[in-house]
All heavy atoms as atom14 arrays in JSON, in Angstrom:
{
  "sequence": "SRDTAEGERSMAKTVVAFNLIYGHRLSVTEGWQFMSLLKKVRGSQGQ",
  "atom14_mask": [
    [1, 1, 1, 1, 1, 1, 0, 0, 0, 0, 0, 0, 0, 0],
    [1, 1, 1, 1, 1, 1, 1, 1, 1, 1, 1, 0, 0, 0],
    [1, 1, 1, 1, 1, 1, 1, 1, 0, 0, 0, 0, 0, 0],
    [1, 1, 1, 1, 1, 1, 1, 0, 0, 0, 0, 0, 0, 0],
    [1, 1, 1, 1, 1, 0, 0, 0, 0, 0, 0, 0, 0, 0],
    [1, 1, 1, 1, 1, 1, 1, 1, 1, 0, 0, 0, 0, 0],
    [1, 1, 1, 1, 0, 0, 0, 0, 0, 0, 0, 0, 0, 0],
    [1, 1, 1, 1, 1, 1, 1, 1, 1, 0, 0, 0, 0, 0],
    [1, 1, 1, 1, 1, 1, 1, 1, 1, 1, 1, 0, 0, 0],
    [1, 1, 1, 1, 1, 1, 0, 0, 0, 0, 0, 0, 0, 0],
    [1, 1, 1, 1, 1, 1, 1, 1, 0, 0, 0, 0, 0, 0],
    [1, 1, 1, 1, 1, 0, 0, 0, 0, 0, 0, 0, 0, 0],
    [1, 1, 1, 1, 1, 1, 1, 1, 1, 0, 0, 0, 0, 0],
    [1, 1, 1, 1, 1, 1, 1, 0, 0, 0, 0, 0, 0, 0],
    [1, 1, 1, 1, 1, 1, 1, 0, 0, 0, 0, 0, 0, 0],
    [1, 1, 1, 1, 1, 1, 1, 0, 0, 0, 0, 0, 0, 0],
    [1, 1, 1, 1, 1, 0, 0, 0, 0, 0, 0, 0, 0, 0],
    [1, 1, 1, 1, 1, 1, 1, 1, 1, 1, 1, 0, 0, 0],
    [1, 1, 1, 1, 1, 1, 1, 1, 0, 0, 0, 0, 0, 0],
    [1, 1, 1, 1, 1, 1, 1, 1, 0, 0, 0, 0, 0, 0],
    [1, 1, 1, 1, 1, 1, 1, 1, 0, 0, 0, 0, 0, 0],
    [1, 1, 1, 1, 1, 1, 1, 1, 1, 1, 1, 1, 0, 0],
    [1, 1, 1, 1, 0, 0, 0, 0, 0, 0, 0, 0, 0, 0],
    [1, 1, 1, 1, 1, 1, 1, 1, 1, 1, 0, 0, 0, 0],
    [1, 1, 1, 1, 1, 1, 1, 1, 1, 1, 1, 0, 0, 0],
    [1, 1, 1, 1, 1, 1, 1, 1, 0, 0, 0, 0, 0, 0],
    [1, 1, 1, 1, 1, 1, 0, 0, 0, 0, 0, 0, 0, 0],
    [1, 1, 1, 1, 1, 1, 1, 0, 0, 0, 0, 0, 0, 0],
    [1, 1, 1, 1, 1, 1, 1, 0, 0, 0, 0, 0, 0, 0],
    [1, 1, 1, 1, 1, 1, 1, 1, 1, 0, 0, 0, 0, 0],
    [1, 1, 1, 1, 0, 0, 0, 0, 0, 0, 0, 0, 0, 0],
    [1, 1, 1, 1, 1, 1, 1, 1, 1, 1, 1, 1, 1, 1],
    [1, 1, 1, 1, 1, 1, 1, 1, 1, 0, 0, 0, 0, 0],
    [1, 1, 1, 1, 1, 1, 1, 1, 1, 1, 1, 0, 0, 0],
    [1, 1, 1, 1, 1, 1, 1, 1, 0, 0, 0, 0, 0, 0],
    [1, 1, 1, 1, 1, 1, 0, 0, 0, 0, 0, 0, 0, 0],
    [1, 1, 1, 1, 1, 1, 1, 1, 0, 0, 0, 0, 0, 0],
    [1, 1, 1, 1, 1, 1, 1, 1, 0, 0, 0, 0, 0, 0],
    [1, 1, 1, 1, 1, 1, 1, 1, 1, 0, 0, 0, 0, 0],
    [1, 1, 1, 1, 1, 1, 1, 1, 1, 0, 0, 0, 0, 0],
    [1, 1, 1, 1, 1, 1, 1, 0, 0, 0, 0, 0, 0, 0],
    [1, 1, 1, 1, 1, 1, 1, 1, 1, 1, 1, 0, 0, 0],
    [1, 1, 1, 1, 0, 0, 0, 0, 0, 0, 0, 0, 0, 0],
    [1, 1, 1, 1, 1, 1, 0, 0, 0, 0, 0, 0, 0, 0],
    [1, 1, 1, 1, 1, 1, 1, 1, 1, 0, 0, 0, 0, 0],
    [1, 1, 1, 1, 0, 0, 0, 0, 0, 0, 0, 0, 0, 0],
    [1, 1, 1, 1, 1, 1, 1, 1, 1, 0, 0, 0, 0, 0]
  ],
  "atom14_positions": [
    [[-4.16, 14.58, -2.5], [-5.31, 14.1, -1.74], [-5.27, 12.61, -1.44], [-5.93, 12.16, -0.5], [-6.61, 14.44, -2.47], [-6.67, 13.77, -3.72], [0.0, 0.0, 0.0], [0.0, 0.0, 0.0], [0.0, 0.0, 0.0], [0.0, 0.0, 0.0], [0.0, 0.0, 0.0], [0.0, 0.0, 0.0], [0.0, 0.0, 0.0], [0.0, 0.0, 0.0]],
    [[-4.48, 11.83, -2.21], [-4.54, 10.38, -2.03], [-3.21, 9.66, -1.97], [-3.11, 8.6, -1.38], [-5.33, 9.75, -3.18], [-6.75, 10.17, -3.22], [-7.47, 9.39, -4.27], [-8.85, 9.81, -4.31], [-9.66, 9.52, -5.28], [-9.25, 8.81, -6.28], [-10.91, 9.92, -5.23], [0.0, 0.0, 0.0], [0.0, 0.0, 0.0], [0.0, 0.0, 0.0]],
    [[-2.22, 10.16, -2.62], [-1.01, 9.39, -2.79], [0.19, 10.03, -2.1], [0.13, 10.36, -0.94], [-0.73, 9.15, -4.29], [-1.81, 8.28, -4.92], [-2.01, 7.17, -4.42], [-2.45, 8.72, -5.87], [0.0, 0.0, 0.0], [0.0, 0.0, 0.0], [0.0, 0.0, 0.0], [0.0, 0.0, 0.0], [0.0, 0.0, 0.0], [0.0, 0.0, 0.0]],
    [[1.27, 10.23, -2.82], [2.51, 10.73, -2.25], [2.92, 12.03, -2.91], [2.34, 12.42, -3.93], [3.65, 9.7, -2.46], [3.94, 9.63, -3.86], [3.26, 8.32, -1.96], [0.0, 0.0, 0.0], [0.0, 0.0, 0.0], [0.0, 0.0, 0.0], [0.0, 0.0, 0.0], [0.0, 0.0, 0.0], [0.0, 0.0, 0.0], [0.0, 0.0, 0.0]],
    [[3.94, 12.63, -2.39], [4.45, 13.87, -2.98], [4.93, 13.65, -4.4], [4.95, 14.57, -5.21], [5.58, 14.43, -2.12], [0.0, 0.0, 0.0], [0.0, 0.0, 0.0], [0.0, 0.0, 0.0], [0.0, 0.0, 0.0], [0.0, 0.0, 0.0], [0.0, 0.0, 0.0], [0.0, 0.0, 0.0], [0.0, 0.0, 0.0], [0.0, 0.0, 0.0]],
    [[5.31, 12.42, -4.73], [5.77, 12.1, -6.08], [4.62, 11.92, -7.05], [4.82, 11.83, -8.25], [6.62, 10.83, -6.07], [7.95, 10.97, -5.34], [7.78, 10.89, -3.82], [6.95, 10.1, -3.34], [8.47, 11.65, -3.13], [0.0, 0.0, 0.0], [0.0, 0.0, 0.0], [0.0, 0.0, 0.0], [0.0, 0.0, 0.0], [0.0, 0.0, 0.0]],
    [[3.41, 11.81, -6.56], [2.25, 11.69, -7.45], [1.51, 10.38, -7.3], [1.65, 9.67, -6.31], [0.0, 0.0, 0.0], [0.0, 0.0, 0.0], [0.0, 0.0, 0.0], [0.0, 0.0, 0.0], [0.0, 0.0, 0.0], [0.0, 0.0, 0.0], [0.0, 0.0, 0.0], [0.0, 0.0, 0.0], [0.0, 0.0, 0.0], [0.0, 0.0, 0.0]],
    [[0.7, 10.09, -8.29], [-0.15, 8.91, -8.33], [0.69, 7.65, -8.26], [1.5, 7.38, -9.13], [-0.95, 8.94, -9.64], [-1.65, 7.66, -10.0], [-2.9, 7.41, -9.19], [-3.91, 8.06, -9.42], [-2.83, 6.55, -8.31], [0.0, 0.0, 0.0], [0.0, 0.0, 0.0], [0.0, 0.0, 0.0], [0.0, 0.0, 0.0], [0.0, 0.0, 0.0]],
    [[0.51, 6.88, -7.2], [1.3, 5.67, -7.03], [0.45, 4.53, -6.48], [0.92, 3.72, -5.7], [2.49, 5.92, -6.1], [3.5, 6.92, -6.65], [4.14, 6.4, -7.94], [5.06, 7.36, -8.51], [4.72, 8.3, -9.39], [3.49, 8.43, -9.8], [5.63, 9.12, -9.88], [0.0, 0.0, 0.0], [0.0, 0.0, 0.0], [0.0, 0.0, 0.0]],
    [[-0.8, 4.45, -6.88], [-1.7, 3.42, -6.37], [-1.63, 2.11, -7.14], [-2.13, 1.09, -6.66], [-3.14, 3.94, -6.38], [-3.5, 4.32, -7.7], [0.0, 0.0, 0.0], [0.0, 0.0, 0.0], [0.0, 0.0, 0.0], [0.0, 0.0, 0.0], [0.0, 0.0, 0.0], [0.0, 0.0, 0.0], [0.0, 0.0, 0.0], [0.0, 0.0, 0.0]],
    [[-1.02, 2.12, -8.31], [-1.08, 0.94, -9.16], [-0.31, -0.24, -8.59], [-0.75, -1.39, -8.73], [-0.58, 1.27, -10.58], [-0.8, 0.13, -11.57], [-2.54, -0.42, -11.71], [-3.29, 0.98, -12.51], [0.0, 0.0, 0.0], [0.0, 0.0, 0.0], [0.0, 0.0, 0.0], [0.0, 0.0, 0.0], [0.0, 0.0, 0.0], [0.0, 0.0, 0.0]],
    [[0.82, -0.03, -7.95], [1.59, -1.15, -7.42], [0.75, -1.98, -6.45], [0.7, -3.21, -6.55], [2.87, -0.66, -6.76], [0.0, 0.0, 0.0], [0.0, 0.0, 0.0], [0.0, 0.0, 0.0], [0.0, 0.0, 0.0], [0.0, 0.0, 0.0], [0.0, 0.0, 0.0], [0.0, 0.0, 0.0], [0.0, 0.0, 0.0], [0.0, 0.0, 0.0]],
    [[0.07, -1.33, -5.52], [-0.78, -2.04, -4.57], [-1.96, -2.71, -5.28], [-2.36, -3.82, -4.93], [-1.31, -1.08, -3.5], [-0.25, -0.62, -2.52], [-0.86, 0.34, -1.51], [0.2, 0.87, -0.56], [-0.36, 1.84, 0.39], [0.0, 0.0, 0.0], [0.0, 0.0, 0.0], [0.0, 0.0, 0.0], [0.0, 0.0, 0.0], [0.0, 0.0, 0.0]],
    [[-2.5, -2.03, -6.27], [-3.63, -2.58, -7.02], [-3.23, -3.85, -7.76], [-3.95, -4.85, -7.74], [-4.16, -1.53, -8.02], [-4.51, -0.35, -7.3], [-5.36, -2.04, -8.8], [0.0, 0.0, 0.0], [0.0, 0.0, 0.0], [0.0, 0.0, 0.0], [0.0, 0.0, 0.0], [0.0, 0.0, 0.0], [0.0, 0.0, 0.0], [0.0, 0.0, 0.0]],
    [[-2.07, -3.83, -8.4], [-1.59, -4.98, -9.15], [-1.29, -6.15, -8.21], [-1.62, -7.3, -8.52], [-0.36, -4.6, -10.01], [0.38, -5.81, -10.53], [-0.8, -3.72, -11.18], [0.0, 0.0, 0.0], [0.0, 0.0, 0.0], [0.0, 0.0, 0.0], [0.0, 0.0, 0.0], [0.0, 0.0, 0.0], [0.0, 0.0, 0.0], [0.0, 0.0, 0.0]],
    [[-0.69, -5.88, -7.07], [-0.41, -6.94, -6.11], [-1.72, -7.61, -5.7], [-1.82, -8.85, -5.69], [0.36, -6.4, -4.88], [0.37, -7.41, -3.74], [1.78, -6.03, -5.26], [0.0, 0.0, 0.0], [0.0, 0.0, 0.0], [0.0, 0.0, 0.0], [0.0, 0.0, 0.0], [0.0, 0.0, 0.0], [0.0, 0.0, 0.0], [0.0, 0.0, 0.0]],
    [[-2.72, -6.82, -5.36], [-4.01, -7.38, -4.95], [-4.66, -8.17, -6.09], [-5.16, -9.28, -5.89], [-4.94, -6.26, -4.48], [0.0, 0.0, 0.0], [0.0, 0.0, 0.0], [0.0, 0.0, 0.0], [0.0, 0.0, 0.0], [0.0, 0.0, 0.0], [0.0, 0.0, 0.0], [0.0, 0.0, 0.0], [0.0, 0.0, 0.0], [0.0, 0.0, 0.0]],
    [[-4.66, -7.61, -7.29], [-5.24, -8.28, -8.45], [-4.56, -9.63, -8.69], [-5.23, -10.65, -8.88], [-5.11, -7.38, -9.69], [-5.68, -7.99, -10.94], [-7.01, -7.82, -11.27], [-4.88, -8.73, -11.8], [-7.54, -8.38, -12.42], [-5.4, -9.3, -12.95], [-6.74, -9.12, -13.27], [0.0, 0.0, 0.0], [0.0, 0.0, 0.0], [0.0, 0.0, 0.0]],
    [[-3.23, -9.62, -8.67], [-2.49, -10.85, -8.91], [-2.77, -11.9, -7.85], [-2.89, -13.09, -8.16], [-0.99, -10.56, -9.0], [-0.62, -9.81, -10.28], [-1.37, -9.78, -11.25], [0.53, -9.17, -10.27], [0.0, 0.0, 0.0], [0.0, 0.0, 0.0], [0.0, 0.0, 0.0], [0.0, 0.0, 0.0], [0.0, 0.0, 0.0], [0.0, 0.0, 0.0]],
    [[-2.89, -11.49, -6.6], [-3.21, -12.44, -5.52], [-4.6, -13.03, -5.68], [-4.81, -14.23, -5.52], [-3.1, -11.76, -4.16], [-1.69, -11.52, -3.64], [-1.72, -10.65, -2.38], [-0.99, -12.84, -3.34], [0.0, 0.0, 0.0], [0.0, 0.0, 0.0], [0.0, 0.0, 0.0], [0.0, 0.0, 0.0], [0.0, 0.0, 0.0], [0.0, 0.0, 0.0]],
    [[-5.55, -12.18, -6.02], [-6.93, -12.64, -6.15], [-7.12, -13.54, -7.37], [-7.78, -14.58, -7.29], [-7.89, -11.44, -6.23], [-7.9, -10.7, -4.89], [-9.3, -11.87, -6.61], [-8.57, -9.34, -4.94], [0.0, 0.0, 0.0], [0.0, 0.0, 0.0], [0.0, 0.0, 0.0], [0.0, 0.0, 0.0], [0.0, 0.0, 0.0], [0.0, 0.0, 0.0]],
    [[-6.52, -13.16, -8.5], [-6.81, -13.85, -9.75], [-5.67, -14.74, -10.25], [-5.8, -15.4, -11.29], [-7.19, -12.84, -10.84], [-8.45, -12.11, -10.48], [-8.42, -10.79, -10.06], [-9.69, -12.75, -10.54], [-9.59, -10.12, -9.71], [-10.85, -12.08, -10.19], [-10.79, -10.77, -9.77], [-11.95, -10.12, -9.43], [0.0, 0.0, 0.0], [0.0, 0.0, 0.0]],
    [[-4.56, -14.78, -9.54], [-3.47, -15.66, -9.93], [-2.75, -15.25, -11.2], [-2.2, -16.09, -11.9], [0.0, 0.0, 0.0], [0.0, 0.0, 0.0], [0.0, 0.0, 0.0], [0.0, 0.0, 0.0], [0.0, 0.0, 0.0], [0.0, 0.0, 0.0], [0.0, 0.0, 0.0], [0.0, 0.0, 0.0], [0.0, 0.0, 0.0], [0.0, 0.0, 0.0]],
    [[-2.73, -13.97, -11.5], [-2.03, -13.47, -12.69], [-0.67, -12.91, -12.31], [-0.32, -12.83, -11.14], [-2.86, -12.38, -13.37], [-4.09, -12.9, -14.03], [-4.1, -13.56, -15.24], [-5.38, -12.87, -13.62], [-5.33, -13.9, -15.56], [-6.13, -13.5, -14.59], [0.0, 0.0, 0.0], [0.0, 0.0, 0.0], [0.0, 0.0, 0.0], [0.0, 0.0, 0.0]],
    [[0.06, -12.49, -13.33], [1.36, -11.85, -13.1], [1.42, -10.52, -13.82], [2.37, -10.2, -14.52], [2.48, -12.78, -13.58], [2.51, -14.08, -12.76], [3.59, -14.99, -13.2], [4.87, -14.37, -12.88], [6.03, -14.9, -13.18], [6.1, -16.05, -13.78], [7.14, -14.28, -12.86], [0.0, 0.0, 0.0], [0.0, 0.0, 0.0], [0.0, 0.0, 0.0]],
    [[0.39, -9.74, -13.64], [0.3, -8.41, -14.25], [1.38, -7.51, -13.63], [1.59, -7.54, -12.43], [-1.08, -7.83, -13.93], [-1.6, -6.66, -14.73], [-1.91, -7.1, -16.16], [-2.89, -6.13, -14.08], [0.0, 0.0, 0.0], [0.0, 0.0, 0.0], [0.0, 0.0, 0.0], [0.0, 0.0, 0.0], [0.0, 0.0, 0.0], [0.0, 0.0, 0.0]],
    [[2.06, -6.74, -14.48], [3.06, -5.79, -13.98], [2.39, -4.44, -13.72], [1.26, -4.19, -14.15], [4.19, -5.61, -15.0], [3.72, -4.87, -16.11], [0.0, 0.0, 0.0], [0.0, 0.0, 0.0], [0.0, 0.0, 0.0], [0.0, 0.0, 0.0], [0.0, 0.0, 0.0], [0.0, 0.0, 0.0], [0.0, 0.0, 0.0], [0.0, 0.0, 0.0]],
    [[3.09, -3.57, -13.03], [2.58, -2.22, -12.79], [2.38, -1.5, -14.12], [1.34, -0.84, -14.33], [3.53, -1.44, -11.86], [3.13, 0.02, -11.76], [3.56, -2.08, -10.47], [0.0, 0.0, 0.0], [0.0, 0.0, 0.0], [0.0, 0.0, 0.0], [0.0, 0.0, 0.0], [0.0, 0.0, 0.0], [0.0, 0.0, 0.0], [0.0, 0.0, 0.0]],
    [[3.32, -1.64, -15.03], [3.16, -1.01, -16.35], [1.92, -1.52, -17.05], [1.14, -0.74, -17.61], [4.41, -1.27, -17.22], [5.55, -0.72, -16.57], [4.26, -0.65, -18.61], [0.0, 0.0, 0.0], [0.0, 0.0, 0.0], [0.0, 0.0, 0.0], [0.0, 0.0, 0.0], [0.0, 0.0, 0.0], [0.0, 0.0, 0.0], [0.0, 0.0, 0.0]],
    [[1.7, -2.82, -17.0], [0.49, -3.39, -17.63], [-0.77, -2.89, -16.94], [-1.81, -2.7, -17.6], [0.55, -4.91, -17.59], [1.6, -5.48, -18.51], [1.88, -6.95, -18.28], [1.67, -7.45, -17.15], [2.32, -7.61, -19.25], [0.0, 0.0, 0.0], [0.0, 0.0, 0.0], [0.0, 0.0, 0.0], [0.0, 0.0, 0.0], [0.0, 0.0, 0.0]],
    [[-0.71, -2.63, -15.65], [-1.86, -2.06, -14.95], [-2.21, -0.69, -15.5], [-3.38, -0.38, -15.76], [0.0, 0.0, 0.0], [0.0, 0.0, 0.0], [0.0, 0.0, 0.0], [0.0, 0.0, 0.0], [0.0, 0.0, 0.0], [0.0, 0.0, 0.0], [0.0, 0.0, 0.0], [0.0, 0.0, 0.0], [0.0, 0.0, 0.0], [0.0, 0.0, 0.0]],
    [[-1.19, 0.16, -15.67], [-1.44, 1.49, -16.25], [-1.94, 1.37, -17.69], [-2.83, 2.11, -18.11], [-0.19, 2.36, -16.21], [0.24, 2.76, -14.83], [1.46, 2.55, -14.25], [-0.53, 3.48, -13.85], [1.48, 3.07, -12.98], [0.26, 3.65, -12.7], [-1.83, 3.99, -13.84], [-0.18, 4.3, -11.56], [-2.28, 4.64, -12.69], [-1.46, 4.79, -11.58]],
    [[-1.37, 0.43, -18.46], [-1.82, 0.24, -19.84], [-3.27, -0.24, -19.89], [-4.04, 0.16, -20.77], [-0.89, -0.74, -20.56], [0.48, -0.15, -20.79], [1.5, -1.17, -21.26], [1.4, -2.36, -20.97], [2.51, -0.7, -21.98], [0.0, 0.0, 0.0], [0.0, 0.0, 0.0], [0.0, 0.0, 0.0], [0.0, 0.0, 0.0], [0.0, 0.0, 0.0]],
    [[-3.63, -1.09, -18.94], [-5.02, -1.54, -18.84], [-5.96, -0.35, -18.63], [-6.99, -0.24, -19.29], [-5.16, -2.54, -17.68], [-6.56, -3.03, -17.48], [-6.99, -4.19, -18.12], [-7.45, -2.35, -16.66], [-8.29, -4.65, -17.94], [-8.74, -2.8, -16.48], [-9.17, -3.96, -17.11], [0.0, 0.0, 0.0], [0.0, 0.0, 0.0], [0.0, 0.0, 0.0]],
    [[-5.58, 0.53, -17.72], [-6.42, 1.71, -17.45], [-6.51, 2.61, -18.68], [-7.57, 3.18, -18.97], [-5.88, 2.49, -16.25], [-5.97, 1.72, -14.94], [-7.66, 1.2, -14.53], [-8.44, 2.79, -14.27], [0.0, 0.0, 0.0], [0.0, 0.0, 0.0], [0.0, 0.0, 0.0], [0.0, 0.0, 0.0], [0.0, 0.0, 0.0], [0.0, 0.0, 0.0]],
    [[-5.41, 2.73, -19.42], [-5.41, 3.52, -20.65], [-6.37, 2.91, -21.67], [-7.14, 3.63, -22.32], [-3.99, 3.61, -21.23], [-3.99, 4.33, -22.43], [0.0, 0.0, 0.0], [0.0, 0.0, 0.0], [0.0, 0.0, 0.0], [0.0, 0.0, 0.0], [0.0, 0.0, 0.0], [0.0, 0.0, 0.0], [0.0, 0.0, 0.0], [0.0, 0.0, 0.0]],
    [[-6.35, 1.59, -21.78], [-7.27, 0.92, -22.7], [-8.72, 1.11, -22.27], [-9.61, 1.3, -23.11], [-6.95, -0.57, -22.79], [-5.71, -0.92, -23.58], [-5.36, -2.4, -23.42], [-5.91, -0.59, -25.05], [0.0, 0.0, 0.0], [0.0, 0.0, 0.0], [0.0, 0.0, 0.0], [0.0, 0.0, 0.0], [0.0, 0.0, 0.0], [0.0, 0.0, 0.0]],
    [[-8.98, 1.06, -20.97], [-10.33, 1.3, -20.47], [-10.82, 2.67, -20.91], [-11.95, 2.82, -21.39], [-10.34, 1.2, -18.94], [-11.66, 1.57, -18.27], [-12.72, 0.51, -18.55], [-11.46, 1.74, -16.78], [0.0, 0.0, 0.0], [0.0, 0.0, 0.0], [0.0, 0.0, 0.0], [0.0, 0.0, 0.0], [0.0, 0.0, 0.0], [0.0, 0.0, 0.0]],
    [[-9.97, 3.68, -20.78], [-10.35, 5.03, -21.18], [-10.55, 5.12, -22.7], [-11.43, 5.86, -23.17], [-9.32, 6.05, -20.7], [-9.35, 6.27, -19.21], [-10.73, 6.78, -18.78], [-10.79, 7.12, -17.32], [-12.01, 7.88, -16.98], [0.0, 0.0, 0.0], [0.0, 0.0, 0.0], [0.0, 0.0, 0.0], [0.0, 0.0, 0.0], [0.0, 0.0, 0.0]],
    [[-9.74, 4.4, -23.47], [-9.92, 4.41, -24.92], [-11.26, 3.78, -25.31], [-11.97, 4.29, -26.17], [-8.76, 3.66, -25.59], [-7.46, 4.43, -25.61], [-6.34, 3.55, -26.15], [-5.05, 4.28, -26.35], [-4.53, 5.02, -25.2], [0.0, 0.0, 0.0], [0.0, 0.0, 0.0], [0.0, 0.0, 0.0], [0.0, 0.0, 0.0], [0.0, 0.0, 0.0]],
    [[-11.61, 2.67, -24.66], [-12.89, 2.03, -24.95], [-14.04, 2.94, -24.56], [-14.99, 3.12, -25.32], [-12.99, 0.66, -24.24], [-14.39, 0.1, -24.32], [-11.99, -0.32, -24.84], [0.0, 0.0, 0.0], [0.0, 0.0, 0.0], [0.0, 0.0, 0.0], [0.0, 0.0, 0.0], [0.0, 0.0, 0.0], [0.0, 0.0, 0.0], [0.0, 0.0, 0.0]],
    [[-13.96, 3.52, -23.38], [-15.01, 4.45, -22.96], [-15.14, 5.62, -23.93], [-16.25, 6.05, -24.24], [-14.75, 4.96, -21.55], [-15.03, 3.92, -20.5], [-14.82, 4.49, -19.13], [-15.18, 3.52, -18.11], [-14.91, 3.67, -16.84], [-14.3, 4.76, -16.4], [-15.25, 2.74, -15.96], [0.0, 0.0, 0.0], [0.0, 0.0, 0.0], [0.0, 0.0, 0.0]],
    [[-13.99, 6.11, -24.41], [-14.01, 7.23, -25.34], [-14.62, 6.88, -26.69], [-15.07, 7.76, -27.43], [0.0, 0.0, 0.0], [0.0, 0.0, 0.0], [0.0, 0.0, 0.0], [0.0, 0.0, 0.0], [0.0, 0.0, 0.0], [0.0, 0.0, 0.0], [0.0, 0.0, 0.0], [0.0, 0.0, 0.0], [0.0, 0.0, 0.0], [0.0, 0.0, 0.0]],
    [[-14.66, 5.6, -27.0], [-15.22, 5.17, -28.29], [-16.72, 4.9, -28.21], [-17.34, 4.61, -29.23], [-14.5, 3.91, -28.78], [-14.87, 2.78, -28.01], [0.0, 0.0, 0.0], [0.0, 0.0, 0.0], [0.0, 0.0, 0.0], [0.0, 0.0, 0.0], [0.0, 0.0, 0.0], [0.0, 0.0, 0.0], [0.0, 0.0, 0.0], [0.0, 0.0, 0.0]],
    [[-17.27, 5.01, -27.01], [-18.7, 4.69, -26.82], [-19.46, 5.93, -26.35], [-19.0, 6.64, -25.46], [-18.85, 3.59, -25.77], [-18.17, 2.31, -26.15], [-18.24, 1.27, -25.03], [-19.06, 1.35, -24.14], [-17.35, 0.31, -25.09], [0.0, 0.0, 0.0], [0.0, 0.0, 0.0], [0.0, 0.0, 0.0], [0.0, 0.0, 0.0], [0.0, 0.0, 0.0]],
    [[-20.58, 6.16, -26.92], [-21.44, 7.25, -26.46], [-20.89, 8.62, -26.79], [-20.1, 8.8, -27.72], [0.0, 0.0, 0.0], [0.0, 0.0, 0.0], [0.0, 0.0, 0.0], [0.0, 0.0, 0.0], [0.0, 0.0, 0.0], [0.0, 0.0, 0.0], [0.0, 0.0, 0.0], [0.0, 0.0, 0.0], [0.0, 0.0, 0.0], [0.0, 0.0, 0.0]],
    [[-21.33, 9.58, -25.98], [-20.96, 10.96, -26.22], [-19.54, 11.25, -25.72], [-19.02, 10.57, -24.84], [-21.94, 11.89, -25.51], [-23.34, 11.81, -26.07], [-24.28, 12.77, -25.35], [-23.96, 13.33, -24.32], [-25.46, 12.93, -25.91], [0.0, 0.0, 0.0], [0.0, 0.0, 0.0], [0.0, 0.0, 0.0], [0.0, 0.0, 0.0], [0.0, 0.0, 0.0]]
  ]
}
């Protein structure tokens, strides 16, 4: 519905935009790790 035949591939564009806006050097791997941490934090809160 959103990406390519190979699967979810939105992180590269997301990281490029983030780095341009905020002046960081986040890698694609770090972007996925960030999202994993977000889910871990959400999983630790509430129901």
